[in-house]
Protein backbone atom coordinates (compact mmCIF):
# COMPACT_ATOMS: atom_id res chain seq x y z
CA MET A 1 81.68 106.37 -81.05
CA ALA A 2 83.01 104.01 -83.76
CA GLU A 3 80.43 102.58 -86.28
CA PRO A 4 79.68 98.87 -85.62
CA VAL A 5 81.18 97.76 -89.05
CA ASP A 6 84.49 99.65 -88.23
CA VAL A 7 84.65 97.97 -84.77
CA LEU A 8 84.17 94.57 -86.51
CA ARG A 9 86.78 95.29 -89.16
CA GLU A 10 89.38 96.57 -86.74
CA PHE A 11 88.89 93.52 -84.43
CA PHE A 12 89.39 91.08 -87.45
CA ALA A 13 92.46 93.18 -88.56
CA ARG A 14 94.10 92.05 -85.32
CA ARG A 15 92.51 88.62 -84.90
CA ARG A 16 92.33 87.01 -88.28
CA LYS A 17 90.30 83.95 -87.08
CA VAL A 18 87.78 83.50 -84.36
CA HIS A 19 85.66 80.78 -82.78
CA LEU A 20 81.92 81.44 -82.41
CA VAL A 21 79.92 81.28 -79.16
CA MET A 22 76.31 81.99 -79.73
CA PRO A 23 73.73 82.52 -76.94
CA ASP A 24 72.92 78.78 -76.80
CA GLY A 25 76.59 77.71 -76.90
CA TRP A 26 79.64 77.08 -79.00
CA VAL A 27 79.31 76.58 -82.82
CA GLY A 28 81.04 73.26 -83.24
CA ARG A 29 83.37 71.90 -80.61
CA PRO A 30 84.93 74.47 -78.33
CA TYR A 31 88.11 76.07 -79.85
CA ASP A 32 87.92 73.66 -82.73
CA ASN A 33 86.30 75.57 -85.64
CA TRP A 34 87.99 78.65 -87.03
CA TYR A 35 86.02 81.50 -88.87
CA GLY A 36 87.45 84.51 -90.66
CA LEU A 37 85.67 87.62 -91.82
CA ALA A 38 84.57 87.54 -95.43
CA SER A 39 82.42 90.66 -95.50
CA ALA A 40 80.82 93.23 -93.19
CA SER A 41 77.94 95.18 -94.73
CA VAL A 42 75.09 97.38 -93.60
CA ASP A 43 71.63 96.99 -95.12
CA GLY A 44 69.15 99.49 -93.79
CA ASP A 45 69.09 98.80 -89.97
CA ARG A 46 71.00 95.56 -90.00
CA LEU A 47 74.60 94.61 -89.86
CA THR A 48 75.59 91.46 -91.64
CA ILE A 49 78.83 89.74 -90.66
CA GLY A 50 79.78 87.29 -93.46
CA LEU A 51 82.11 84.57 -92.55
CA ASP A 52 84.56 82.78 -94.81
CA THR A 53 82.72 79.61 -94.23
CA GLU A 54 79.57 80.78 -96.16
CA GLU A 55 77.90 81.42 -92.91
CA SER A 56 76.66 84.77 -91.46
CA ILE A 57 75.47 86.57 -88.40
CA VAL A 58 72.85 89.37 -88.82
CA VAL A 59 72.20 91.78 -85.91
CA PRO A 60 70.48 95.13 -85.74
CA LEU A 61 72.66 98.12 -86.38
CA ASP A 62 72.18 99.38 -82.94
CA ALA A 63 73.50 96.18 -81.25
CA VAL A 64 76.43 96.73 -78.94
CA LEU A 65 79.83 95.50 -80.35
CA GLU A 66 82.50 95.60 -77.67
CA ASP A 67 86.11 94.73 -78.40
CA VAL A 68 87.62 93.43 -75.24
CA GLY A 69 90.93 92.57 -76.67
CA GLY A 70 90.87 88.68 -77.26
CA SER A 71 87.08 88.64 -78.03
CA LEU A 72 84.41 90.75 -79.67
CA LEU A 73 81.22 90.73 -77.72
CA ILE A 74 77.82 91.37 -79.44
CA SER A 75 74.90 92.14 -77.17
CA GLY A 76 71.69 94.31 -77.08
CA PHE A 77 70.18 92.75 -80.17
CA ASP A 78 66.59 91.77 -80.75
CA PRO A 79 66.88 89.73 -82.92
CA ALA A 80 70.14 88.25 -84.07
CA THR A 81 70.12 85.50 -86.58
CA PHE A 82 72.94 82.97 -87.32
CA HIS A 83 72.74 81.41 -90.81
CA PRO A 84 74.85 78.24 -90.56
CA TYR A 85 76.05 76.46 -93.62
CA GLY A 86 73.67 73.76 -94.76
CA ALA A 87 71.35 74.18 -91.90
CA ASP A 88 68.25 76.21 -90.80
CA ALA A 89 68.85 79.76 -89.50
CA ARG A 90 68.76 80.20 -85.75
CA THR A 91 67.28 83.33 -84.21
CA TYR A 92 68.06 84.77 -80.79
CA ARG A 93 66.03 87.46 -78.99
CA GLU A 94 68.75 88.15 -76.32
CA GLY A 95 71.94 86.93 -74.87
CA LEU A 96 75.57 87.42 -75.77
CA ILE A 97 77.40 86.50 -79.05
CA GLU A 98 81.10 86.13 -78.61
CA LEU A 99 83.73 86.02 -81.31
CA VAL A 100 86.70 84.50 -79.42
CA GLY A 101 89.92 85.28 -81.20
CA VAL A 102 91.93 82.25 -81.97
CA GLY A 103 94.50 81.77 -79.21
CA ALA A 104 92.30 83.82 -76.77
CA GLN A 105 90.15 82.59 -73.86
CA GLN A 106 86.40 82.97 -73.89
CA VAL A 107 85.37 85.87 -71.65
CA GLY A 108 81.61 85.81 -71.88
CA THR A 109 81.17 83.17 -69.16
CA THR A 110 83.05 82.29 -66.03
CA THR A 111 84.32 78.80 -64.96
CA ASP A 112 84.48 77.28 -61.49
CA ASP A 113 88.02 75.85 -60.97
CA GLU A 114 87.25 74.46 -57.55
CA GLY A 115 85.64 71.33 -59.22
């Protein structure tokens, strides 16, 4: 099994930029903001995902990172913390974090097209 930092780096090697969907919804307007990987580091039992916007996501090292092609899904965390630029950190105890590759469709939720 690949190390989480390797899964992250391999995903960003293919998908240079992503959109962020945190457990409480999109960061910014859907499909509008783009984020690149600035750093990926392990500190003790935590993985820090440094974004090129001076923002970061910190998850436990045992969180599940699943590369599903167009998106990287992060689950199984308690807690995960998002450090947005110029705002207070947001902590999540459960849910799904999705890094949606630019040009890909979000996979973490379903839509009802019968509307």
